[in-house]
Amino acid sequence: MRILGVASASAALTLGLAGNALACNISEFSAVAKCDGTKGVISVTDKDPSGVKAKVSVFRSNDGGEKLVGEQEVEGTREGVTIDFSEDWKPNTTYRVHVKAGNQVDEDIKGGLTTPSEGCESPEESTPPASPSPSEKPSQEPSSPSDASEAPKPSAAESSPAASTGDNAPSPAGDSNLAETGSSSNTGAIAGIAAALVAAGAGVMFALRRRGAANNR
């Protein structure tokens, strides 16, 4: 009988230890604040191998009170099951995470949760300004010095000033003095007067000859 009693006690102790090993414990829950792109997220992971259904509640600490962020249920595994709470958390903010799992756990995750000192980046901060595409650049650009040097240069005839007229340059025909060649602009008039005088002299001579011939008869 004594032997049977010792064996029964040993079996009960073994079953008790095994039951405690499979029991849900608050140490199997953890929480972390992270970013999902530009959105804040609070993730809670349950690594309870017994798979007891647990209710997780997240509270944000405010001045003089708390505000419920959200509640979800989770059934943990040895590898761990994670649930996310969407929360636009601010840097260095404290959160309280409470777990209620059957009759085994009804308490907060030890140490609570404090968010990182840097928040999630906004799209304006994370995305650099886009540079203009080649099609958006101005179609006309100021000419470079090399372009100016390639411009056609005027020829020597085009760039040299017109020859200045000196004293030796011939003047217009109407104003020229042709005395050096024996002619002038009045030559025609003089020739006409001379011809008239010659004709008059010839007429006088002819008349005198006729008169002399008449007197000789």
C-alpha atoms as a PDB file:
ATOM      1  CA  MET A   1       0.000   0.000   0.000  1.00  0.00           C
ATOM      2  CA  ARG A   2       2.791   2.352   0.860  1.00  0.00           C
ATOM      3  CA  ILE A   3       4.367   1.699  -2.529  1.00  0.00           C
ATOM      4  CA  LEU A   4       1.109   2.419  -4.328  1.00  0.00           C
ATOM      5  CA  GLY A   5       0.706   5.657  -2.419  1.00  0.00           C
ATOM      6  CA  VAL A   6       4.175   6.859  -3.367  1.00  0.00           C
ATOM      7  CA  ALA A   7       3.552   5.996  -7.019  1.00  0.00           C
ATOM      8  CA  SER A   8       0.244   7.885  -7.053  1.00  0.00           C
ATOM      9  CA  ALA A   9       1.833  10.951  -5.476  1.00  0.00           C
ATOM     10  CA  SER A  10       4.613  10.893  -8.019  1.00  0.00           C
ATOM     11  CA  ALA A  11       2.142  10.659 -10.877  1.00  0.00           C
ATOM     12  CA  ALA A  12       0.081  13.547  -9.523  1.00  0.00           C
ATOM     13  CA  LEU A  13       3.169  15.682  -9.115  1.00  0.00           C
ATOM     14  CA  THR A  14       4.230  14.896 -12.657  1.00  0.00           C
ATOM     15  CA  LEU A  15       0.820  15.757 -14.050  1.00  0.00           C
ATOM     16  CA  GLY A  16       0.786  18.958 -12.028  1.00  0.00           C
ATOM     17  CA  LEU A  17       4.154  20.041 -13.377  1.00  0.00           C
ATOM     18  CA  ALA A  18       3.068  19.195 -16.904  1.00  0.00           C
ATOM     19  CA  GLY A  19      -0.128  21.189 -16.450  1.00  0.00           C
ATOM     20  CA  ASN A  20       1.839  24.175 -15.174  1.00  0.00           C
ATOM     21  CA  ALA A  21       4.175  23.896 -18.149  1.00  0.00           C
ATOM     22  CA  LEU A  22       1.223  24.112 -20.514  1.00  0.00           C
ATOM     23  CA  ALA A  23      -0.528  26.885 -18.583  1.00  0.00           C
ATOM     24  CA  CYS A  24      -0.762  30.372 -20.082  1.00  0.00           C
ATOM     25  CA  ASN A  25       1.617  32.929 -18.584  1.00  0.00           C
ATOM     26  CA  ILE A  26       1.917  36.716 -18.976  1.00  0.00           C
ATOM     27  CA  SER A  27       5.609  36.306 -19.812  1.00  0.00           C
ATOM     28  CA  GLU A  28       4.574  34.669 -23.079  1.00  0.00           C
ATOM     29  CA  PHE A  29       3.129  37.987 -24.318  1.00  0.00           C
ATOM     30  CA  SER A  30       5.154  40.898 -25.723  1.00  0.00           C
ATOM     31  CA  ALA A  31       4.331  44.248 -27.358  1.00  0.00           C
ATOM     32  CA  VAL A  32       6.259  46.605 -29.633  1.00  0.00           C
ATOM     33  CA  ALA A  33       5.534  49.891 -31.454  1.00  0.00           C
ATOM     34  CA  LYS A  34       6.621  49.989 -35.107  1.00  0.00           C
ATOM     35  CA  CYS A  35       5.808  51.548 -38.481  1.00  0.00           C
ATOM     36  CA  ASP A  36       3.847  50.010 -41.319  1.00  0.00           C
ATOM     37  CA  GLY A  37       5.018  52.311 -44.097  1.00  0.00           C
ATOM     38  CA  THR A  38       4.080  55.760 -42.815  1.00  0.00           C
ATOM     39  CA  LYS A  39       1.423  54.471 -40.363  1.00  0.00           C
ATOM     40  CA  GLY A  40       2.015  53.621 -36.744  1.00  0.00           C
ATOM     41  CA  VAL A  41       1.262  50.088 -35.501  1.00  0.00           C
ATOM     42  CA  ILE A  42       1.366  48.422 -32.075  1.00  0.00           C
ATOM     43  CA  SER A  43       2.042  44.684 -32.411  1.00  0.00           C
ATOM     44  CA  VAL A  44       1.333  42.148 -29.649  1.00  0.00           C
ATOM     45  CA  THR A  45       2.758  38.612 -29.928  1.00  0.00           C
ATOM     46  CA  ASP A  46       1.366  35.546 -28.041  1.00  0.00           C
ATOM     47  CA  LYS A  47       3.761  32.599 -27.670  1.00  0.00           C
ATOM     48  CA  ASP A  48       1.506  30.486 -25.440  1.00  0.00           C
ATOM     49  CA  PRO A  49       2.043  26.841 -26.473  1.00  0.00           C
ATOM     50  CA  SER A  50      -1.217  25.783 -24.792  1.00  0.00           C
ATOM     51  CA  GLY A  51      -3.235  27.870 -27.256  1.00  0.00           C
ATOM     52  CA  VAL A  52      -5.512  29.408 -24.644  1.00  0.00           C
ATOM     53  CA  LYS A  53      -7.702  32.118 -26.150  1.00  0.00           C
ATOM     54  CA  ALA A  54      -6.659  35.477 -24.778  1.00  0.00           C
ATOM     55  CA  LYS A  55      -8.165  38.945 -25.011  1.00  0.00           C
ATOM     56  CA  VAL A  56      -5.623  41.750 -25.507  1.00  0.00           C
ATOM     57  CA  SER A  57      -6.496  45.383 -24.703  1.00  0.00           C
ATOM     58  CA  VAL A  58      -4.207  48.327 -25.514  1.00  0.00           C
ATOM     59  CA  PHE A  59      -4.530  51.635 -23.648  1.00  0.00           C
ATOM     60  CA  ARG A  60      -2.771  54.947 -24.339  1.00  0.00           C
ATOM     61  CA  SER A  61      -1.754  56.886 -21.269  1.00  0.00           C
ATOM     62  CA  ASN A  62      -3.036  60.465 -21.244  1.00  0.00           C
ATOM     63  CA  ASP A  63      -2.626  63.272 -18.769  1.00  0.00           C
ATOM     64  CA  GLY A  64      -4.753  62.184 -15.841  1.00  0.00           C
ATOM     65  CA  GLY A  65      -6.188  59.058 -17.497  1.00  0.00           C
ATOM     66  CA  GLU A  66      -6.121  56.440 -20.245  1.00  0.00           C
ATOM     67  CA  LYS A  67      -7.785  55.935 -23.624  1.00  0.00           C
ATOM     68  CA  LEU A  68      -8.607  52.558 -25.131  1.00  0.00           C
ATOM     69  CA  VAL A  69      -6.846  52.051 -28.469  1.00  0.00           C
ATOM     70  CA  GLY A  70      -8.415  48.678 -29.270  1.00  0.00           C
ATOM     71  CA  GLU A  71      -9.145  45.079 -28.220  1.00  0.00           C
ATOM     72  CA  GLN A  72      -8.512  41.812 -30.054  1.00  0.00           C
ATOM     73  CA  GLU A  73      -8.521  38.082 -29.319  1.00  0.00           C
ATOM     74  CA  VAL A  74      -5.586  35.803 -30.039  1.00  0.00           C
ATOM     75  CA  GLU A  75      -4.735  32.112 -29.669  1.00  0.00           C
ATOM     76  CA  GLY A  76      -1.017  31.693 -29.281  1.00  0.00           C
ATOM     77  CA  THR A  77       1.334  28.963 -30.486  1.00  0.00           C
ATOM     78  CA  ARG A  78       4.842  27.920 -29.561  1.00  0.00           C
ATOM     79  CA  GLU A  79       6.142  29.823 -32.623  1.00  0.00           C
ATOM     80  CA  GLY A  80       4.033  32.858 -31.745  1.00  0.00           C
ATOM     81  CA  VAL A  81       0.981  34.640 -33.214  1.00  0.00           C
ATOM     82  CA  THR A  82       1.056  38.440 -33.730  1.00  0.00           C
ATOM     83  CA  ILE A  83      -1.881  40.850 -33.823  1.00  0.00           C
ATOM     84  CA  ASP A  84      -1.607  44.522 -34.863  1.00  0.00           C
ATOM     85  CA  PHE A  85      -3.366  47.613 -33.550  1.00  0.00           C
ATOM     86  CA  SER A  86      -3.406  50.625 -35.890  1.00  0.00           C
ATOM     87  CA  GLU A  87      -2.275  53.592 -33.834  1.00  0.00           C
ATOM     88  CA  ASP A  88      -0.757  56.890 -34.954  1.00  0.00           C
ATOM     89  CA  TRP A  89       1.589  56.830 -31.992  1.00  0.00           C
ATOM     90  CA  LYS A  90       3.804  59.718 -31.028  1.00  0.00           C
ATOM     91  CA  PRO A  91       7.444  59.426 -29.944  1.00  0.00           C
ATOM     92  CA  ASN A  92       8.116  58.632 -26.265  1.00  0.00           C
ATOM     93  CA  THR A  93       4.461  57.797 -25.540  1.00  0.00           C
ATOM     94  CA  THR A  94       3.528  55.191 -22.898  1.00  0.00           C
ATOM     95  CA  TYR A  95       0.971  52.421 -23.558  1.00  0.00           C
ATOM     96  CA  ARG A  96      -0.500  49.786 -21.248  1.00  0.00           C
ATOM     97  CA  VAL A  97      -1.198  46.314 -22.681  1.00  0.00           C
ATOM     98  CA  HIS A  98      -3.578  44.110 -20.670  1.00  0.00           C
ATOM     99  CA  VAL A  99      -4.065  40.342 -21.236  1.00  0.00           C
ATOM    100  CA  LYS A 100      -7.027  38.257 -20.049  1.00  0.00           C
ATOM    101  CA  ALA A 101      -6.639  34.521 -20.767  1.00  0.00           C
ATOM    102  CA  GLY A 102      -9.287  32.343 -19.108  1.00  0.00           C
ATOM    103  CA  ASN A 103      -8.692  31.932 -15.395  1.00  0.00           C
ATOM    104  CA  GLN A 104      -4.922  31.837 -15.808  1.00  0.00           C
ATOM    105  CA  VAL A 105      -3.900  35.376 -16.763  1.00  0.00           C
ATOM    106  CA  ASP A 106      -5.514  38.710 -15.991  1.00  0.00           C
ATOM    107  CA  GLU A 107      -2.756  41.324 -15.860  1.00  0.00           C
ATOM    108  CA  ASP A 108      -0.668  43.817 -17.807  1.00  0.00           C
ATOM    109  CA  ILE A 109       2.447  43.044 -19.791  1.00  0.00           C
ATOM    110  CA  LYS A 110       5.253  43.842 -17.392  1.00  0.00           C
ATOM    111  CA  GLY A 111       7.084  47.103 -18.049  1.00  0.00           C
ATOM    112  CA  GLY A 112       4.352  48.444 -20.312  1.00  0.00           C
ATOM    113  CA  LEU A 113       5.235  49.847 -23.742  1.00  0.00           C
ATOM    114  CA  THR A 114       7.061  53.093 -24.582  1.00  0.00           C
ATOM    115  CA  THR A 115       7.254  54.161 -28.226  1.00  0.00           C
ATOM    116  CA  PRO A 116      10.599  55.022 -29.924  1.00  0.00           C
ATOM    117  CA  SER A 117      12.027  58.539 -29.827  1.00  0.00           C
ATOM    118  CA  GLU A 118      11.427  58.963 -33.577  1.00  0.00           C
ATOM    119  CA  GLY A 119       8.033  58.702 -35.240  1.00  0.00           C
ATOM    120  CA  CYS A 120       7.084  57.306 -38.622  1.00  0.00           C
ATOM    121  CA  GLU A 121       8.202  59.474 -41.536  1.00  0.00           C
ATOM    122  CA  SER A 122       5.604  61.320 -43.568  1.00  0.00           C
ATOM    123  CA  PRO A 123       5.590  60.973 -47.400  1.00  0.00           C
ATOM    124  CA  GLU A 124       7.013  64.491 -47.760  1.00  0.00           C
ATOM    125  CA  GLU A 125       9.999  63.634 -45.546  1.00  0.00           C
ATOM    126  CA  SER A 126      10.725  60.202 -47.021  1.00  0.00           C
ATOM    127  CA  THR A 127      10.344  61.065 -50.709  1.00  0.00           C
ATOM    128  CA  PRO A 128      12.931  63.453 -52.233  1.00  0.00           C
ATOM    129  CA  PRO A 129      11.647  66.036 -54.709  1.00  0.00           C
ATOM    130  CA  ALA A 130      11.469  64.694 -58.227  1.00  0.00           C
ATOM    131  CA  SER A 131      13.873  66.242 -60.700  1.00  0.00           C
ATOM    132  CA  PRO A 132      12.362  67.563 -63.923  1.00  0.00           C
ATOM    133  CA  SER A 133      12.364  65.145 -66.811  1.00  0.00           C
ATOM    134  CA  PRO A 134      14.224  66.056 -70.033  1.00  0.00           C
ATOM    135  CA  SER A 135      10.888  66.840 -71.702  1.00  0.00           C
ATOM    136  CA  GLU A 136      10.091  69.413 -68.989  1.00  0.00           C
ATOM    137  CA  LYS A 137      13.354  71.307 -69.422  1.00  0.00           C
ATOM    138  CA  PRO A 138      13.267  74.552 -71.428  1.00  0.00           C
ATOM    139  CA  SER A 139      13.611  73.927 -75.127  1.00  0.00           C
ATOM    140  CA  GLN A 140      15.832  76.935 -75.608  1.00  0.00           C
ATOM    141  CA  GLU A 141      18.995  77.323 -73.617  1.00  0.00           C
ATOM    142  CA  PRO A 142      21.362  80.284 -73.619  1.00  0.00           C
ATOM    143  CA  SER A 143      24.110  79.838 -76.122  1.00  0.00           C
ATOM    144  CA  SER A 144      27.462  78.931 -74.733  1.00  0.00           C
ATOM    145  CA  PRO A 145      30.662  80.818 -75.541  1.00  0.00           C
ATOM    146  CA  SER A 146      31.553  78.088 -78.018  1.00  0.00           C
ATOM    147  CA  ASP A 147      28.306  78.737 -79.906  1.00  0.00           C
ATOM    148  CA  ALA A 148      29.105  82.430 -80.085  1.00  0.00           C
ATOM    149  CA  SER A 149      32.561  81.709 -81.427  1.00  0.00           C
ATOM    150  CA  GLU A 150      31.085  79.552 -84.191  1.00  0.00           C
ATOM    151  CA  ALA A 151      28.870  82.366 -85.475  1.00  0.00           C
ATOM    152  CA  PRO A 152      29.848  83.526 -89.022  1.00  0.00           C
ATOM    153  CA  LYS A 153      32.252  86.464 -88.989  1.00  0.00           C
ATOM    154  CA  PRO A 154      31.907  89.336 -91.484  1.00  0.00           C
ATOM    155  CA  SER A 155      34.368  89.349 -94.365  1.00  0.00           C
ATOM    156  CA  ALA A 156      37.134  91.934 -94.678  1.00  0.00           C
ATOM    157  CA  ALA A 157      35.175  93.825 -97.374  1.00  0.00           C
ATOM    158  CA  GLU A 158      32.095  93.971 -95.143  1.00  0.00           C
ATOM    159  CA  SER A 159      33.916  94.887 -91.951  1.00  0.00           C
ATOM    160  CA  SER A 160      36.295  97.573 -93.397  1.00  0.00           C
ATOM    161  CA  PRO A 161      34.905 101.134 -93.486  1.00  0.00           C
ATOM    162  CA  ALA A 162      34.180 102.815 -96.830  1.00  0.00           C
ATOM    163  CA  ALA A 163      37.182 104.545 -98.366  1.00  0.00           C
ATOM    164  CA  SER A 164      37.241 108.220 -97.499  1.00  0.00           C
ATOM    165  CA  THR A 165      37.236 110.698-100.376  1.00  0.00           C
ATOM    166  CA  GLY A 166      40.341 112.824-100.514  1.00  0.00           C
ATOM    167  CA  ASP A 167      41.288 115.921-102.526  1.00  0.00           C
ATOM    168  CA  ASN A 168      42.525 113.762-105.419  1.00  0.00           C
ATOM    169  CA  ALA A 169      39.200 111.915-105.827  1.00  0.00           C
ATOM    170  CA  PRO A 170      37.353 112.857-109.050  1.00  0.00           C
ATOM    171  CA  SER A 171      34.374 115.090-108.486  1.00  0.00           C
ATOM    172  CA  PRO A 172      31.079 114.664-110.400  1.00  0.00           C
ATOM    173  CA  ALA A 173      31.169 115.477-114.117  1.00  0.00           C
ATOM    174  CA  GLY A 174      28.858 118.479-113.740  1.00  0.00           C
ATOM    175  CA  ASP A 175      31.215 120.235-111.312  1.00  0.00           C
ATOM    176  CA  SER A 176      34.531 119.350-112.938  1.00  0.00           C
ATOM    177  CA  ASN A 177      36.800 121.992-114.503  1.00  0.00           C
ATOM    178  CA  LEU A 178      37.972 120.717-117.890  1.00  0.00           C
ATOM    179  CA  ALA A 179      40.357 123.625-118.640  1.00  0.00           C
ATOM    180  CA  GLU A 180      43.289 121.225-118.571  1.00  0.00           C
ATOM    181  CA  THR A 181      41.866 119.370-121.620  1.00  0.00           C
ATOM    182  CA  GLY A 182      40.936 122.561-123.576  1.00  0.00           C
ATOM    183  CA  SER A 183      37.200 122.124-123.174  1.00  0.00           C
ATOM    184  CA  SER A 184      34.658 123.517-120.816  1.00  0.00           C
ATOM    185  CA  SER A 185      30.974 123.504-120.215  1.00  0.00           C
ATOM    186  CA  ASN A 186      30.582 126.777-122.373  1.00  0.00           C
ATOM    187  CA  THR A 187      32.246 125.370-125.491  1.00  0.00           C
ATOM    188  CA  GLY A 188      29.003 124.913-127.391  1.00  0.00           C
ATOM    189  CA  ALA A 189      27.868 128.513-126.862  1.00  0.00           C
ATOM    190  CA  ILE A 190      31.250 129.917-127.865  1.00  0.00           C
ATOM    191  CA  ALA A 191      31.297 127.752-130.992  1.00  0.00           C
ATOM    192  CA  GLY A 192      27.843 129.017-131.982  1.00  0.00           C
ATOM    193  CA  ILE A 193      28.852 132.697-131.568  1.00  0.00           C
ATOM    194  CA  ALA A 194      32.029 132.101-133.557  1.00  0.00           C
ATOM    195  CA  ALA A 195      30.085 130.469-136.403  1.00  0.00           C
ATOM    196  CA  ALA A 196      27.680 133.406-136.486  1.00  0.00           C
ATOM    197  CA  LEU A 197      30.540 135.861-136.605  1.00  0.00           C
ATOM    198  CA  VAL A 198      32.184 133.893-139.413  1.00  0.00           C
ATOM    199  CA  ALA A 199      28.924 133.842-141.367  1.00  0.00           C
ATOM    200  CA  ALA A 200      28.446 137.593-140.845  1.00  0.00           C
ATOM    201  CA  GLY A 201      32.005 138.316-141.973  1.00  0.00           C
ATOM    202  CA  ALA A 202      31.504 136.166-145.024  1.00  0.00           C
ATOM    203  CA  GLY A 203      28.328 138.072-145.866  1.00  0.00           C
ATOM    204  CA  VAL A 204      30.085 141.402-145.457  1.00  0.00           C
ATOM    205  CA  MET A 205      32.930 140.268-147.682  1.00  0.00           C
ATOM    206  CA  PHE A 206      30.482 139.002-150.296  1.00  0.00           C
ATOM    207  CA  ALA A 207      28.622 142.309-150.278  1.00  0.00           C
ATOM    208  CA  LEU A 208      31.827 144.321-150.618  1.00  0.00           C
ATOM    209  CA  ARG A 209      32.968 142.255-153.566  1.00  0.00           C
ATOM    210  CA  ARG A 210      29.683 142.736-155.366  1.00  0.00           C
ATOM    211  CA  ARG A 211      29.836 146.444-154.758  1.00  0.00           C
ATOM    212  CA  GLY A 212      33.361 146.618-156.141  1.00  0.00           C
ATOM    213  CA  ALA A 213      32.319 144.654-159.196  1.00  0.00           C
ATOM    214  CA  ALA A 214      29.453 147.007-159.860  1.00  0.00           C
ATOM    215  CA  ASN A 215      31.648 150.050-159.642  1.00  0.00           C
ATOM    216  CA  ASN A 216      34.082 148.576-162.160  1.00  0.00           C
ATOM    217  CA  ARG A 217      31.438 148.289-164.884  1.00  0.00           C
END
